[in-house]
Amino acid sequence: MVFLLVSLIVLHLLTLAMVVIATLEKSWWIWADSEITDLWHNCFHDNATKTWLCAATNESDWLQSVQALMILSVVFSSISFLVFLGQLFTMSKGGLFYFTGLCQAFAGCTDFAAALIFTFHTKEILNDSRDLTKGHFGYCVILAWLSVPLLLISGILYVHLRKKR
């Protein structure tokens, strides 16, 4: 039982870290080695100064949807973890972690929606006249997609987890 509990906490913290990194890092779309785009900025590498020069992204409805959904995913997963810790110490013996599992499942659904929107509406989100074949998805999109099943699995595990002592 302790092993399951520790494994679930580690899984939860891992997925929370993945969602936070996917939301905040600068690698959602890579045009070249010297140009990247994320949910918040377009960045160019200046070879003369060896620094990244970033400007705010052009706002589109699809981009704002992805931003909001990724933030909601972080919020739901954080709330889920805090509620789990609270329930762990206050819940009576035999109680189930329904609210924690529900919040974690909502985090997975919002992350899924954000990754899906970014994947299918990349052209509208990037708002660029360049050919998309000259770029590719960055590691943040991959992290967002990988965290979807992990969030849903941990949500299901929380729903089935019963407090023993």
C-alpha atoms as a PDB file:
ATOM      1  CA  MET A   1       0.000   0.000   0.000  1.00  0.00           C
ATOM      2  CA  VAL A   2       2.830   2.381   0.846  1.00  0.00           C
ATOM      3  CA  PHE A   3       4.522   1.545  -2.461  1.00  0.00           C
ATOM      4  CA  LEU A   4       1.322   2.390  -4.358  1.00  0.00           C
ATOM      5  CA  LEU A   5       0.935   5.647  -2.473  1.00  0.00           C
ATOM      6  CA  VAL A   6       4.545   6.718  -3.054  1.00  0.00           C
ATOM      7  CA  SER A   7       4.345   5.697  -6.722  1.00  0.00           C
ATOM      8  CA  LEU A   8       1.164   7.726  -7.180  1.00  0.00           C
ATOM      9  CA  ILE A   9       2.710  10.791  -5.538  1.00  0.00           C
ATOM     10  CA  VAL A  10       5.801  10.485  -7.753  1.00  0.00           C
ATOM     11  CA  LEU A  11       3.597  10.073 -10.847  1.00  0.00           C
ATOM     12  CA  HIS A  12       1.557  13.117  -9.855  1.00  0.00           C
ATOM     13  CA  LEU A  13       4.626  15.292  -9.294  1.00  0.00           C
ATOM     14  CA  LEU A  14       6.146  14.048 -12.558  1.00  0.00           C
ATOM     15  CA  THR A  15       3.037  14.926 -14.563  1.00  0.00           C
ATOM     16  CA  LEU A  16       2.732  18.290 -12.820  1.00  0.00           C
ATOM     17  CA  ALA A  17       6.356  19.081 -13.716  1.00  0.00           C
ATOM     18  CA  MET A  18       5.774  17.989 -17.316  1.00  0.00           C
ATOM     19  CA  VAL A  19       2.709  20.214 -17.680  1.00  0.00           C
ATOM     20  CA  VAL A  20       4.452  23.214 -16.107  1.00  0.00           C
ATOM     21  CA  ILE A  21       7.494  22.795 -18.356  1.00  0.00           C
ATOM     22  CA  ALA A  22       5.298  22.363 -21.439  1.00  0.00           C
ATOM     23  CA  THR A  23       3.386  25.527 -20.550  1.00  0.00           C
ATOM     24  CA  LEU A  24       6.324  27.793 -19.769  1.00  0.00           C
ATOM     25  CA  GLU A  25       9.218  26.664 -21.959  1.00  0.00           C
ATOM     26  CA  LYS A  26      10.045  28.135 -25.357  1.00  0.00           C
ATOM     27  CA  SER A  27       9.901  25.158 -27.683  1.00  0.00           C
ATOM     28  CA  TRP A  28       6.436  24.545 -29.107  1.00  0.00           C
ATOM     29  CA  TRP A  29       7.440  25.126 -32.738  1.00  0.00           C
ATOM     30  CA  ILE A  30      10.969  25.210 -34.150  1.00  0.00           C
ATOM     31  CA  TRP A  31      11.533  26.916 -37.502  1.00  0.00           C
ATOM     32  CA  ALA A  32      15.296  26.527 -37.554  1.00  0.00           C
ATOM     33  CA  ASP A  33      18.121  26.307 -35.062  1.00  0.00           C
ATOM     34  CA  SER A  34      17.944  30.071 -34.671  1.00  0.00           C
ATOM     35  CA  GLU A  35      14.159  30.603 -34.439  1.00  0.00           C
ATOM     36  CA  ILE A  36      11.591  29.116 -32.054  1.00  0.00           C
ATOM     37  CA  THR A  37       8.010  29.856 -31.066  1.00  0.00           C
ATOM     38  CA  ASP A  38       6.154  29.042 -27.883  1.00  0.00           C
ATOM     39  CA  LEU A  39       2.793  29.958 -26.389  1.00  0.00           C
ATOM     40  CA  TRP A  40       4.040  33.359 -25.281  1.00  0.00           C
ATOM     41  CA  HIS A  41       6.981  34.480 -27.476  1.00  0.00           C
ATOM     42  CA  ASN A  42       8.654  34.284 -30.860  1.00  0.00           C
ATOM     43  CA  CYS A  43      12.405  34.101 -30.335  1.00  0.00           C
ATOM     44  CA  PHE A  44      15.370  34.594 -32.666  1.00  0.00           C
ATOM     45  CA  HIS A  45      18.983  33.786 -31.838  1.00  0.00           C
ATOM     46  CA  ASP A  46      21.305  36.720 -32.480  1.00  0.00           C
ATOM     47  CA  ASN A  47      24.690  35.320 -33.468  1.00  0.00           C
ATOM     48  CA  ALA A  48      26.463  38.625 -32.866  1.00  0.00           C
ATOM     49  CA  THR A  49      25.500  38.863 -29.200  1.00  0.00           C
ATOM     50  CA  LYS A  50      24.838  35.134 -28.730  1.00  0.00           C
ATOM     51  CA  THR A  51      21.487  35.867 -27.030  1.00  0.00           C
ATOM     52  CA  TRP A  52      17.858  35.098 -27.733  1.00  0.00           C
ATOM     53  CA  LEU A  53      15.736  38.074 -28.775  1.00  0.00           C
ATOM     54  CA  CYS A  54      12.080  37.481 -27.994  1.00  0.00           C
ATOM     55  CA  ALA A  55       8.915  39.336 -28.925  1.00  0.00           C
ATOM     56  CA  ALA A  56       5.337  38.640 -27.884  1.00  0.00           C
ATOM     57  CA  THR A  57       3.428  36.274 -30.145  1.00  0.00           C
ATOM     58  CA  ASN A  58       0.659  37.480 -32.407  1.00  0.00           C
ATOM     59  CA  GLU A  59      -2.548  36.782 -30.536  1.00  0.00           C
ATOM     60  CA  SER A  60      -5.110  34.560 -32.218  1.00  0.00           C
ATOM     61  CA  ASP A  61      -8.199  32.906 -30.820  1.00  0.00           C
ATOM     62  CA  TRP A  62      -6.645  29.458 -31.178  1.00  0.00           C
ATOM     63  CA  LEU A  63      -3.472  30.526 -29.383  1.00  0.00           C
ATOM     64  CA  GLN A  64      -5.449  32.049 -26.518  1.00  0.00           C
ATOM     65  CA  SER A  65      -7.418  28.808 -26.240  1.00  0.00           C
ATOM     66  CA  VAL A  66      -4.222  26.764 -25.976  1.00  0.00           C
ATOM     67  CA  GLN A  67      -2.770  29.200 -23.419  1.00  0.00           C
ATOM     68  CA  ALA A  68      -5.907  29.080 -21.274  1.00  0.00           C
ATOM     69  CA  LEU A  69      -6.219  25.297 -21.453  1.00  0.00           C
ATOM     70  CA  MET A  70      -2.577  24.720 -20.511  1.00  0.00           C
ATOM     71  CA  ILE A  71      -2.895  27.097 -17.553  1.00  0.00           C
ATOM     72  CA  LEU A  72      -6.083  25.299 -16.492  1.00  0.00           C
ATOM     73  CA  SER A  73      -4.244  22.002 -16.702  1.00  0.00           C
ATOM     74  CA  VAL A  74      -1.531  23.295 -14.354  1.00  0.00           C
ATOM     75  CA  VAL A  75      -4.159  24.714 -11.970  1.00  0.00           C
ATOM     76  CA  PHE A  76      -6.249  21.509 -11.889  1.00  0.00           C
ATOM     77  CA  SER A  77      -3.190  19.325 -11.327  1.00  0.00           C
ATOM     78  CA  SER A  78      -1.907  21.615  -8.550  1.00  0.00           C
ATOM     79  CA  ILE A  79      -5.290  21.718  -6.846  1.00  0.00           C
ATOM     80  CA  SER A  80      -5.511  17.959  -7.161  1.00  0.00           C
ATOM     81  CA  PHE A  81      -2.177  17.482  -5.402  1.00  0.00           C
ATOM     82  CA  LEU A  82      -3.004  19.914  -2.584  1.00  0.00           C
ATOM     83  CA  VAL A  83      -6.432  18.335  -2.058  1.00  0.00           C
ATOM     84  CA  PHE A  84      -4.838  14.881  -2.027  1.00  0.00           C
ATOM     85  CA  LEU A  85      -2.421  15.937   0.709  1.00  0.00           C
ATOM     86  CA  GLY A  86      -5.294  17.414   2.688  1.00  0.00           C
ATOM     87  CA  GLN A  87      -7.454  14.320   2.248  1.00  0.00           C
ATOM     88  CA  LEU A  88      -4.555  12.058   3.142  1.00  0.00           C
ATOM     89  CA  PHE A  89      -4.371  13.539   6.641  1.00  0.00           C
ATOM     90  CA  THR A  90      -8.031  14.393   7.297  1.00  0.00           C
ATOM     91  CA  MET A  91     -10.100  11.710   5.549  1.00  0.00           C
ATOM     92  CA  SER A  92     -11.534   8.888   7.600  1.00  0.00           C
ATOM     93  CA  LYS A  93     -10.484   5.275   7.076  1.00  0.00           C
ATOM     94  CA  GLY A  94     -12.012   3.708   3.966  1.00  0.00           C
ATOM     95  CA  GLY A  95     -12.568   7.023   2.162  1.00  0.00           C
ATOM     96  CA  LEU A  96     -11.982   7.368  -1.555  1.00  0.00           C
ATOM     97  CA  PHE A  97     -10.103  10.186  -3.272  1.00  0.00           C
ATOM     98  CA  TYR A  98     -12.868  11.099  -5.742  1.00  0.00           C
ATOM     99  CA  PHE A  99     -12.268  14.852  -5.855  1.00  0.00           C
ATOM    100  CA  THR A 100      -8.521  14.394  -6.315  1.00  0.00           C
ATOM    101  CA  GLY A 101      -9.070  11.948  -9.167  1.00  0.00           C
ATOM    102  CA  LEU A 102     -11.662  14.188 -10.780  1.00  0.00           C
ATOM    103  CA  CYS A 103      -9.336  17.214 -10.704  1.00  0.00           C
ATOM    104  CA  GLN A 104      -6.512  15.145 -12.155  1.00  0.00           C
ATOM    105  CA  ALA A 105      -8.771  13.816 -14.913  1.00  0.00           C
ATOM    106  CA  PHE A 106      -9.867  17.393 -15.723  1.00  0.00           C
ATOM    107  CA  ALA A 107      -6.183  18.346 -15.936  1.00  0.00           C
ATOM    108  CA  GLY A 108      -5.678  15.528 -18.441  1.00  0.00           C
ATOM    109  CA  CYS A 109      -8.705  16.608 -20.488  1.00  0.00           C
ATOM    110  CA  THR A 110      -7.638  20.260 -20.640  1.00  0.00           C
ATOM    111  CA  ASP A 111      -4.090  19.251 -21.559  1.00  0.00           C
ATOM    112  CA  PHE A 112      -5.476  16.962 -24.255  1.00  0.00           C
ATOM    113  CA  ALA A 113      -7.633  19.752 -25.674  1.00  0.00           C
ATOM    114  CA  ALA A 114      -4.702  22.194 -25.724  1.00  0.00           C
ATOM    115  CA  ALA A 115      -2.345  19.739 -27.429  1.00  0.00           C
ATOM    116  CA  LEU A 116      -5.032  18.782 -29.931  1.00  0.00           C
ATOM    117  CA  ILE A 117      -5.814  22.402 -30.819  1.00  0.00           C
ATOM    118  CA  PHE A 118      -2.132  23.259 -31.241  1.00  0.00           C
ATOM    119  CA  THR A 119      -1.536  20.184 -33.382  1.00  0.00           C
ATOM    120  CA  PHE A 120      -4.454  20.735 -35.742  1.00  0.00           C
ATOM    121  CA  HIS A 121      -4.405  24.545 -35.896  1.00  0.00           C
ATOM    122  CA  THR A 122      -0.673  25.186 -36.033  1.00  0.00           C
ATOM    123  CA  LYS A 123      -0.939  27.313 -39.174  1.00  0.00           C
ATOM    124  CA  GLU A 124      -3.535  29.640 -37.612  1.00  0.00           C
ATOM    125  CA  ILE A 125      -1.704  29.790 -34.281  1.00  0.00           C
ATOM    126  CA  LEU A 126       1.679  30.617 -35.792  1.00  0.00           C
ATOM    127  CA  ASN A 127       0.051  33.175 -38.101  1.00  0.00           C
ATOM    128  CA  ASP A 128       3.000  32.898 -40.453  1.00  0.00           C
ATOM    129  CA  SER A 129       3.134  32.881 -44.235  1.00  0.00           C
ATOM    130  CA  ARG A 130       6.017  30.387 -44.290  1.00  0.00           C
ATOM    131  CA  ASP A 131       5.584  26.768 -45.217  1.00  0.00           C
ATOM    132  CA  LEU A 132       5.091  24.578 -42.134  1.00  0.00           C
ATOM    133  CA  THR A 133       7.311  21.876 -43.627  1.00  0.00           C
ATOM    134  CA  LYS A 134      10.289  24.150 -42.850  1.00  0.00           C
ATOM    135  CA  GLY A 135       9.637  23.713 -39.137  1.00  0.00           C
ATOM    136  CA  HIS A 136       8.650  21.021 -36.677  1.00  0.00           C
ATOM    137  CA  PHE A 137       7.047  20.573 -33.280  1.00  0.00           C
ATOM    138  CA  GLY A 138       9.280  21.221 -30.306  1.00  0.00           C
ATOM    139  CA  TYR A 139       9.711  19.137 -27.189  1.00  0.00           C
ATOM    140  CA  CYS A 140       7.012  21.074 -25.283  1.00  0.00           C
ATOM    141  CA  VAL A 141       4.300  19.716 -27.582  1.00  0.00           C
ATOM    142  CA  ILE A 142       5.678  16.231 -27.049  1.00  0.00           C
ATOM    143  CA  LEU A 143       5.660  16.788 -23.276  1.00  0.00           C
ATOM    144  CA  ALA A 144       2.066  18.007 -23.462  1.00  0.00           C
ATOM    145  CA  TRP A 145       1.025  14.908 -25.413  1.00  0.00           C
ATOM    146  CA  LEU A 146       2.950  12.555 -23.099  1.00  0.00           C
ATOM    147  CA  SER A 147       1.386  14.061 -19.995  1.00  0.00           C
ATOM    148  CA  VAL A 148      -2.183  13.421 -21.236  1.00  0.00           C
ATOM    149  CA  PRO A 149      -2.267   9.645 -20.612  1.00  0.00           C
ATOM    150  CA  LEU A 150      -0.227  10.006 -17.431  1.00  0.00           C
ATOM    151  CA  LEU A 151      -2.675  12.573 -16.027  1.00  0.00           C
ATOM    152  CA  LEU A 152      -5.655  10.397 -16.943  1.00  0.00           C
ATOM    153  CA  ILE A 153      -4.068   7.247 -15.504  1.00  0.00           C
ATOM    154  CA  SER A 154      -3.220   8.988 -12.245  1.00  0.00           C
ATOM    155  CA  GLY A 155      -6.768  10.387 -12.099  1.00  0.00           C
ATOM    156  CA  ILE A 156      -8.184   6.876 -12.468  1.00  0.00           C
ATOM    157  CA  LEU A 157      -5.776   5.535  -9.833  1.00  0.00           C
ATOM    158  CA  TYR A 158      -6.826   8.261  -7.401  1.00  0.00           C
ATOM    159  CA  VAL A 159     -10.496   7.363  -7.866  1.00  0.00           C
ATOM    160  CA  HIS A 160      -9.764   3.720  -7.028  1.00  0.00           C
ATOM    161  CA  LEU A 161      -7.364   4.482  -4.169  1.00  0.00           C
ATOM    162  CA  ARG A 162      -8.901   3.868  -0.745  1.00  0.00           C
ATOM    163  CA  LYS A 163      -7.437   5.179   2.495  1.00  0.00           C
ATOM    164  CA  LYS A 164      -6.388   2.252   4.687  1.00  0.00           C
ATOM    165  CA  ARG A 165      -5.219   3.969   7.885  1.00  0.00           C
END
